[in-house]
Amino acid sequence: MEHFGPGIELLDVNTEDDGVVNFTCFTEKQVNLNNEAVLKKPLHTSIAVDAEEFDDLSVPEKLHIICCLLEARAADEGIL
């Protein structure tokens, strides 16, 4: 969890045909006074890692796994 900044809300992990695992994260949204969702610090970051870097990886190609990092952090800290 420490590899992802505190403003990151979602993490998308997906695989490609060529043996690459992509990690894409998105910043959390902020709501303004008019109750409109806006990004305070818009950020979209992608990192590609060769699948051979993992000891064991068994994921169907082109599958997307999307995690809510806010909930994962809370579970990791024993809050949930």
PDB file of N, CA and C in Angstrom:
ATOM      1  N   MET A   1       0.806  -1.199   0.000  1.00  0.00           N
ATOM      2  CA  MET A   1       0.000   0.000   0.000  1.00  0.00           C
ATOM      3  C   MET A   1       0.850   1.265   0.000  1.00  0.00           C
ATOM      4  N   GLU A   2       2.044   1.177   0.553  1.00  0.00           N
ATOM      5  CA  GLU A   2       2.876   2.376   0.653  1.00  0.00           C
ATOM      6  C   GLU A   2       3.370   2.866  -0.710  1.00  0.00           C
ATOM      7  N   HIS A   3       3.221   2.050  -1.756  1.00  0.00           N
ATOM      8  CA  HIS A   3       3.675   2.459  -3.087  1.00  0.00           C
ATOM      9  C   HIS A   3       2.696   3.398  -3.782  1.00  0.00           C
ATOM     10  N   PHE A   4       1.482   3.512  -3.246  1.00  0.00           N
ATOM     11  CA  PHE A   4       0.460   4.346  -3.862  1.00  0.00           C
ATOM     12  C   PHE A   4       0.204   5.557  -2.985  1.00  0.00           C
ATOM     13  N   GLY A   5       0.154   6.735  -3.595  1.00  0.00           N
ATOM     14  CA  GLY A   5      -0.039   7.979  -2.855  1.00  0.00           C
ATOM     15  C   GLY A   5      -1.371   8.024  -2.135  1.00  0.00           C
ATOM     16  N   PRO A   6      -1.493   8.903  -1.144  1.00  0.00           N
ATOM     17  CA  PRO A   6      -2.720   8.985  -0.343  1.00  0.00           C
ATOM     18  C   PRO A   6      -3.934   9.473  -1.129  1.00  0.00           C
ATOM     19  N   GLY A   7      -3.731  10.139  -2.262  1.00  0.00           N
ATOM     20  CA  GLY A   7      -4.852  10.628  -3.053  1.00  0.00           C
ATOM     21  C   GLY A   7      -5.368   9.631  -4.077  1.00  0.00           C
ATOM     22  N   ILE A   8      -4.736   8.473  -4.170  1.00  0.00           N
ATOM     23  CA  ILE A   8      -5.138   7.481  -5.159  1.00  0.00           C
ATOM     24  C   ILE A   8      -6.364   6.727  -4.658  1.00  0.00           C
ATOM     25  N   GLU A   9      -7.413   6.719  -5.467  1.00  0.00           N
ATOM     26  CA  GLU A   9      -8.652   6.048  -5.072  1.00  0.00           C
ATOM     27  C   GLU A   9      -8.783   4.677  -5.715  1.00  0.00           C
ATOM     28  N   LEU A  10      -8.535   4.579  -7.021  1.00  0.00           N
ATOM     29  CA  LEU A  10      -8.727   3.321  -7.732  1.00  0.00           C
ATOM     30  C   LEU A  10      -7.433   2.828  -8.348  1.00  0.00           C
ATOM     31  N   LEU A  11      -7.269   1.498  -8.360  1.00  0.00           N
ATOM     32  CA  LEU A  11      -6.139   0.858  -9.022  1.00  0.00           C
ATOM     33  C   LEU A  11      -6.697  -0.179  -9.980  1.00  0.00           C
ATOM     34  N   ASP A  12      -6.306  -0.088 -11.241  1.00  0.00           N
ATOM     35  CA  ASP A  12      -6.719  -1.047 -12.268  1.00  0.00           C
ATOM     36  C   ASP A  12      -5.497  -1.884 -12.617  1.00  0.00           C
ATOM     37  N   VAL A  13      -5.586  -3.197 -12.391  1.00  0.00           N
ATOM     38  CA  VAL A  13      -4.511  -4.124 -12.745  1.00  0.00           C
ATOM     39  C   VAL A  13      -5.032  -4.956 -13.902  1.00  0.00           C
ATOM     40  N   ASN A  14      -4.300  -4.971 -15.020  1.00  0.00           N
ATOM     41  CA  ASN A  14      -4.744  -5.762 -16.167  1.00  0.00           C
ATOM     42  C   ASN A  14      -3.555  -6.350 -16.900  1.00  0.00           C
ATOM     43  N   THR A  15      -3.840  -7.395 -17.675  1.00  0.00           N
ATOM     44  CA  THR A  15      -2.795  -8.083 -18.424  1.00  0.00           C
ATOM     45  C   THR A  15      -3.038  -7.897 -19.917  1.00  0.00           C
ATOM     46  N   GLU A  16      -1.954  -8.063 -20.680  1.00  0.00           N
ATOM     47  CA  GLU A  16      -2.026  -7.946 -22.132  1.00  0.00           C
ATOM     48  C   GLU A  16      -1.513  -9.229 -22.763  1.00  0.00           C
ATOM     49  N   ASP A  17      -1.724  -9.351 -24.073  1.00  0.00           N
ATOM     50  CA  ASP A  17      -1.307 -10.541 -24.813  1.00  0.00           C
ATOM     51  C   ASP A  17       0.194 -10.782 -24.758  1.00  0.00           C
ATOM     52  N   ASP A  18       0.970  -9.727 -24.686  1.00  0.00           N
ATOM     53  CA  ASP A  18       2.420  -9.855 -24.789  1.00  0.00           C
ATOM     54  C   ASP A  18       3.115 -10.082 -23.446  1.00  0.00           C
ATOM     55  N   GLY A  19       2.395 -10.563 -22.425  1.00  0.00           N
ATOM     56  CA  GLY A  19       3.010 -10.876 -21.142  1.00  0.00           C
ATOM     57  C   GLY A  19       3.331  -9.667 -20.294  1.00  0.00           C
ATOM     58  N   VAL A  20       2.537  -8.615 -20.428  1.00  0.00           N
ATOM     59  CA  VAL A  20       2.753  -7.389 -19.664  1.00  0.00           C
ATOM     60  C   VAL A  20       1.603  -7.217 -18.675  1.00  0.00           C
ATOM     61  N   VAL A  21       1.947  -6.810 -17.447  1.00  0.00           N
ATOM     62  CA  VAL A  21       0.946  -6.494 -16.436  1.00  0.00           C
ATOM     63  C   VAL A  21       0.961  -4.984 -16.256  1.00  0.00           C
ATOM     64  N   ASN A  22      -0.197  -4.347 -16.403  1.00  0.00           N
ATOM     65  CA  ASN A  22      -0.317  -2.896 -16.269  1.00  0.00           C
ATOM     66  C   ASN A  22      -0.962  -2.539 -14.938  1.00  0.00           C
ATOM     67  N   PHE A  23      -0.401  -1.554 -14.271  1.00  0.00           N
ATOM     68  CA  PHE A  23      -0.971  -0.990 -13.053  1.00  0.00           C
ATOM     69  C   PHE A  23      -1.323   0.460 -13.372  1.00  0.00           C
ATOM     70  N   THR A  24      -2.602   0.798 -13.349  1.00  0.00           N
ATOM     71  CA  THR A  24      -3.049   2.151 -13.654  1.00  0.00           C
ATOM     72  C   THR A  24      -3.805   2.686 -12.455  1.00  0.00           C
ATOM     73  N   CYS A  25      -3.417   3.863 -11.961  1.00  0.00           N
ATOM     74  CA  CYS A  25      -4.112   4.435 -10.805  1.00  0.00           C
ATOM     75  C   CYS A  25      -4.699   5.788 -11.156  1.00  0.00           C
ATOM     76  N   PHE A  26      -5.745   6.130 -10.422  1.00  0.00           N
ATOM     77  CA  PHE A  26      -6.495   7.354 -10.644  1.00  0.00           C
ATOM     78  C   PHE A  26      -6.640   8.090  -9.319  1.00  0.00           C
ATOM     79  N   THR A  27      -6.599   9.416  -9.354  1.00  0.00           N
ATOM     80  CA  THR A  27      -6.756  10.199  -8.125  1.00  0.00           C
ATOM     81  C   THR A  27      -8.198  10.184  -7.660  1.00  0.00           C
ATOM     82  N   GLU A  28      -8.381  10.476  -6.373  1.00  0.00           N
ATOM     83  CA  GLU A  28      -9.735  10.534  -5.831  1.00  0.00           C
ATOM     84  C   GLU A  28     -10.402  11.833  -6.248  1.00  0.00           C
ATOM     85  N   LYS A  29     -11.713  11.813  -6.310  1.00  0.00           N
ATOM     86  CA  LYS A  29     -12.437  13.023  -6.694  1.00  0.00           C
ATOM     87  C   LYS A  29     -12.737  13.863  -5.458  1.00  0.00           C
ATOM     88  N   GLN A  30     -12.857  15.137  -5.665  1.00  0.00           N
ATOM     89  CA  GLN A  30     -13.254  16.076  -4.617  1.00  0.00           C
ATOM     90  C   GLN A  30     -14.599  16.659  -5.023  1.00  0.00           C
ATOM     91  N   VAL A  31     -15.458  16.925  -4.074  1.00  0.00           N
ATOM     92  CA  VAL A  31     -16.769  17.501  -4.367  1.00  0.00           C
ATOM     93  C   VAL A  31     -16.761  18.964  -3.947  1.00  0.00           C
ATOM     94  N   ASN A  32     -17.201  19.847  -4.852  1.00  0.00           N
ATOM     95  CA  ASN A  32     -17.216  21.279  -4.527  1.00  0.00           C
ATOM     96  C   ASN A  32     -18.543  21.666  -3.865  1.00  0.00           C
ATOM     97  N   LEU A  33     -18.740  22.930  -3.584  1.00  0.00           N
ATOM     98  CA  LEU A  33     -19.929  23.404  -2.870  1.00  0.00           C
ATOM     99  C   LEU A  33     -21.230  23.156  -3.631  1.00  0.00           C
ATOM    100  N   ASN A  34     -21.168  23.070  -4.945  1.00  0.00           N
ATOM    101  CA  ASN A  34     -22.364  22.814  -5.753  1.00  0.00           C
ATOM    102  C   ASN A  34     -22.643  21.318  -5.898  1.00  0.00           C
ATOM    103  N   ASN A  35     -21.949  20.505  -5.108  1.00  0.00           N
ATOM    104  CA  ASN A  35     -22.096  19.049  -5.116  1.00  0.00           C
ATOM    105  C   ASN A  35     -21.720  18.445  -6.471  1.00  0.00           C
ATOM    106  N   GLU A  36     -20.786  19.076  -7.158  1.00  0.00           N
ATOM    107  CA  GLU A  36     -20.294  18.576  -8.430  1.00  0.00           C
ATOM    108  C   GLU A  36     -18.958  17.891  -8.184  1.00  0.00           C
ATOM    109  N   ALA A  37     -18.795  16.717  -8.751  1.00  0.00           N
ATOM    110  CA  ALA A  37     -17.539  15.992  -8.592  1.00  0.00           C
ATOM    111  C   ALA A  37     -16.482  16.604  -9.506  1.00  0.00           C
ATOM    112  N   VAL A  38     -15.362  16.964  -8.956  1.00  0.00           N
ATOM    113  CA  VAL A  38     -14.240  17.505  -9.722  1.00  0.00           C
ATOM    114  C   VAL A  38     -12.965  16.855  -9.213  1.00  0.00           C
ATOM    115  N   LEU A  39     -11.975  16.777 -10.062  1.00  0.00           N
ATOM    116  CA  LEU A  39     -10.684  16.260  -9.628  1.00  0.00           C
ATOM    117  C   LEU A  39      -9.834  17.418  -9.149  1.00  0.00           C
ATOM    118  N   LYS A  40      -9.435  17.345  -7.901  1.00  0.00           N
ATOM    119  CA  LYS A  40      -8.614  18.412  -7.346  1.00  0.00           C
ATOM    120  C   LYS A  40      -7.210  18.351  -7.935  1.00  0.00           C
ATOM    121  N   LYS A  41      -6.669  17.154  -8.006  1.00  0.00           N
ATOM    122  CA  LYS A  41      -5.352  16.942  -8.594  1.00  0.00           C
ATOM    123  C   LYS A  41      -5.478  15.822  -9.626  1.00  0.00           C
ATOM    124  N   PRO A  42      -5.944  16.118 -10.849  1.00  0.00           N
ATOM    125  CA  PRO A  42      -6.134  15.054 -11.821  1.00  0.00           C
ATOM    126  C   PRO A  42      -4.825  14.338 -12.126  1.00  0.00           C
ATOM    127  N   LEU A  43      -4.860  13.039 -12.032  1.00  0.00           N
ATOM    128  CA  LEU A  43      -3.657  12.256 -12.278  1.00  0.00           C
ATOM    129  C   LEU A  43      -4.050  10.864 -12.725  1.00  0.00           C
ATOM    130  N   HIS A  44      -3.417  10.408 -13.759  1.00  0.00           N
ATOM    131  CA  HIS A  44      -3.617   9.066 -14.294  1.00  0.00           C
ATOM    132  C   HIS A  44      -2.216   8.538 -14.548  1.00  0.00           C
ATOM    133  N   THR A  45      -1.818   7.526 -13.807  1.00  0.00           N
ATOM    134  CA  THR A  45      -0.466   6.991 -13.919  1.00  0.00           C
ATOM    135  C   THR A  45      -0.525   5.523 -14.296  1.00  0.00           C
ATOM    136  N   SER A  46       0.255   5.116 -15.288  1.00  0.00           N
ATOM    137  CA  SER A  46       0.324   3.710 -15.687  1.00  0.00           C
ATOM    138  C   SER A  46       1.757   3.215 -15.605  1.00  0.00           C
ATOM    139  N   ILE A  47       1.891   1.997 -15.100  1.00  0.00           N
ATOM    140  CA  ILE A  47       3.194   1.340 -15.021  1.00  0.00           C
ATOM    141  C   ILE A  47       3.038  -0.037 -15.645  1.00  0.00           C
ATOM    142  N   ALA A  48       3.922  -0.401 -16.563  1.00  0.00           N
ATOM    143  CA  ALA A  48       3.898  -1.719 -17.198  1.00  0.00           C
ATOM    144  C   ALA A  48       5.049  -2.553 -16.644  1.00  0.00           C
ATOM    145  N   VAL A  49       4.726  -3.778 -16.242  1.00  0.00           N
ATOM    146  CA  VAL A  49       5.724  -4.686 -15.673  1.00  0.00           C
ATOM    147  C   VAL A  49       5.657  -5.994 -16.447  1.00  0.00           C
ATOM    148  N   ASP A  50       6.821  -6.540 -16.794  1.00  0.00           N
ATOM    149  CA  ASP A  50       6.868  -7.826 -17.476  1.00  0.00           C
ATOM    150  C   ASP A  50       6.336  -8.905 -16.545  1.00  0.00           C
ATOM    151  N   ALA A  51       5.467  -9.778 -17.049  1.00  0.00           N
ATOM    152  CA  ALA A  51       4.847 -10.827 -16.231  1.00  0.00           C
ATOM    153  C   ALA A  51       5.888 -11.764 -15.628  1.00  0.00           C
ATOM    154  N   GLU A  52       7.055 -11.873 -16.238  1.00  0.00           N
ATOM    155  CA  GLU A  52       8.112 -12.742 -15.712  1.00  0.00           C
ATOM    156  C   GLU A  52       8.701 -12.213 -14.408  1.00  0.00           C
ATOM    157  N   GLU A  53       8.421 -10.964 -14.050  1.00  0.00           N
ATOM    158  CA  GLU A  53       8.901 -10.388 -12.794  1.00  0.00           C
ATOM    159  C   GLU A  53       8.182 -10.977 -11.580  1.00  0.00           C
ATOM    160  N   PHE A  54       7.041 -11.633 -11.792  1.00  0.00           N
ATOM    161  CA  PHE A  54       6.261 -12.206 -10.701  1.00  0.00           C
ATOM    162  C   PHE A  54       6.637 -13.670 -10.508  1.00  0.00           C
ATOM    163  N   ASP A  55       6.698 -14.107  -9.256  1.00  0.00           N
ATOM    164  CA  ASP A  55       6.994 -15.507  -8.963  1.00  0.00           C
ATOM    165  C   ASP A  55       5.891 -16.419  -9.485  1.00  0.00           C
ATOM    166  N   ASP A  56       4.650 -16.017  -9.291  1.00  0.00           N
ATOM    167  CA  ASP A  56       3.509 -16.820  -9.718  1.00  0.00           C
ATOM    168  C   ASP A  56       2.402 -15.876 -10.174  1.00  0.00           C
ATOM    169  N   LEU A  57       2.012 -15.984 -11.423  1.00  0.00           N
ATOM    170  CA  LEU A  57       0.963 -15.118 -11.961  1.00  0.00           C
ATOM    171  C   LEU A  57       0.059 -15.957 -12.847  1.00  0.00           C
ATOM    172  N   SER A  58      -1.187 -16.085 -12.447  1.00  0.00           N
ATOM    173  CA  SER A  58      -2.155 -16.860 -13.212  1.00  0.00           C
ATOM    174  C   SER A  58      -3.414 -16.016 -13.384  1.00  0.00           C
ATOM    175  N   VAL A  59      -3.417 -15.195 -14.427  1.00  0.00           N
ATOM    176  CA  VAL A  59      -4.535 -14.292 -14.698  1.00  0.00           C
ATOM    177  C   VAL A  59      -4.866 -14.389 -16.182  1.00  0.00           C
ATOM    178  N   PRO A  60      -6.146 -14.559 -16.514  1.00  0.00           N
ATOM    179  CA  PRO A  60      -6.509 -14.571 -17.936  1.00  0.00           C
ATOM    180  C   PRO A  60      -6.116 -13.251 -18.610  1.00  0.00           C
ATOM    181  N   GLU A  61      -5.669 -13.347 -19.855  1.00  0.00           N
ATOM    182  CA  GLU A  61      -5.260 -12.151 -20.588  1.00  0.00           C
ATOM    183  C   GLU A  61      -6.431 -11.194 -20.761  1.00  0.00           C
ATOM    184  N   LYS A  62      -6.119  -9.921 -20.729  1.00  0.00           N
ATOM    185  CA  LYS A  62      -7.071  -8.818 -20.900  1.00  0.00           C
ATOM    186  C   LYS A  62      -8.110  -8.721 -19.784  1.00  0.00           C
ATOM    187  N   LEU A  63      -7.881  -9.383 -18.658  1.00  0.00           N
ATOM    188  CA  LEU A  63      -8.768  -9.261 -17.508  1.00  0.00           C
ATOM    189  C   LEU A  63      -8.381  -8.019 -16.721  1.00  0.00           C
ATOM    190  N   HIS A  64      -9.362  -7.226 -16.325  1.00  0.00           N
ATOM    191  CA  HIS A  64      -9.127  -6.035 -15.508  1.00  0.00           C
ATOM    192  C   HIS A  64      -9.588  -6.315 -14.086  1.00  0.00           C
ATOM    193  N   ILE A  65      -8.727  -6.062 -13.123  1.00  0.00           N
ATOM    194  CA  ILE A  65      -9.076  -6.154 -11.710  1.00  0.00           C
ATOM    195  C   ILE A  65      -8.980  -4.739 -11.165  1.00  0.00           C
ATOM    196  N   ILE A  66     -10.104  -4.207 -10.702  1.00  0.00           N
ATOM    197  CA  ILE A  66     -10.135  -2.831 -10.206  1.00  0.00           C
ATOM    198  C   ILE A  66     -10.359  -2.858  -8.705  1.00  0.00           C
ATOM    199  N   CYS A  67      -9.447  -2.239  -7.973  1.00  0.00           N
ATOM    200  CA  CYS A  67      -9.499  -2.222  -6.509  1.00  0.00           C
ATOM    201  C   CYS A  67      -9.737  -0.798  -6.023  1.00  0.00           C
ATOM    202  N   CYS A  68     -10.542  -0.670  -5.003  1.00  0.00           N
ATOM    203  CA  CYS A  68     -10.709   0.612  -4.328  1.00  0.00           C
ATOM    204  C   CYS A  68      -9.629   0.685  -3.253  1.00  0.00           C
ATOM    205  N   LEU A  69      -8.618   1.498  -3.472  1.00  0.00           N
ATOM    206  CA  LEU A  69      -7.497   1.554  -2.534  1.00  0.00           C
ATOM    207  C   LEU A  69      -7.883   2.146  -1.190  1.00  0.00           C
ATOM    208  N   LEU A  70      -8.881   3.014  -1.156  1.00  0.00           N
ATOM    209  CA  LEU A  70      -9.315   3.574   0.125  1.00  0.00           C
ATOM    210  C   LEU A  70      -9.824   2.461   1.039  1.00  0.00           C
ATOM    211  N   GLU A  71     -10.627   1.545   0.497  1.00  0.00           N
ATOM    212  CA  GLU A  71     -11.132   0.429   1.284  1.00  0.00           C
ATOM    213  C   GLU A  71     -10.024  -0.564   1.603  1.00  0.00           C
ATOM    214  N   ALA A  72      -9.131  -0.805   0.652  1.00  0.00           N
ATOM    215  CA  ALA A  72      -8.030  -1.739   0.892  1.00  0.00           C
ATOM    216  C   ALA A  72      -7.109  -1.215   1.992  1.00  0.00           C
ATOM    217  N   ARG A  73      -6.849   0.092   2.002  1.00  0.00           N
ATOM    218  CA  ARG A  73      -6.023   0.676   3.070  1.00  0.00           C
ATOM    219  C   ARG A  73      -6.704   0.515   4.427  1.00  0.00           C
ATOM    220  N   ALA A  74      -8.008   0.758   4.473  1.00  0.00           N
ATOM    221  CA  ALA A  74      -8.746   0.629   5.732  1.00  0.00           C
ATOM    222  C   ALA A  74      -8.708  -0.816   6.227  1.00  0.00           C
ATOM    223  N   ALA A  75      -8.865  -1.770   5.324  1.00  0.00           N
ATOM    224  CA  ALA A  75      -8.798  -3.181   5.712  1.00  0.00           C
ATOM    225  C   ALA A  75      -7.395  -3.538   6.183  1.00  0.00           C
ATOM    226  N   ASP A  76      -6.388  -3.002   5.499  1.00  0.00           N
ATOM    227  CA  ASP A  76      -4.997  -3.257   5.865  1.00  0.00           C
ATOM    228  C   ASP A  76      -4.680  -2.707   7.255  1.00  0.00           C
ATOM    229  N   GLU A  77      -5.302  -1.591   7.611  1.00  0.00           N
ATOM    230  CA  GLU A  77      -5.075  -0.973   8.919  1.00  0.00           C
ATOM    231  C   GLU A  77      -6.021  -1.515   9.986  1.00  0.00           C
ATOM    232  N   GLY A  78      -6.893  -2.464   9.618  1.00  0.00           N
ATOM    233  CA  GLY A  78      -7.809  -3.065  10.579  1.00  0.00           C
ATOM    234  C   GLY A  78      -9.013  -2.220  10.911  1.00  0.00           C
ATOM    235  N   ILE A  79      -9.318  -1.223  10.066  1.00  0.00           N
ATOM    236  CA  ILE A  79     -10.466  -0.350  10.316  1.00  0.00           C
ATOM    237  C   ILE A  79     -11.757  -1.019   9.853  1.00  0.00           C
ATOM    238  N   LEU A  80     -11.696  -1.801   8.766  1.00  0.00           N
ATOM    239  CA  LEU A  80     -12.899  -2.489   8.255  1.00  0.00           C
ATOM    240  C   LEU A  80     -13.017  -3.859   8.852  1.00  0.00           C
TER     241      LEU A  80
END
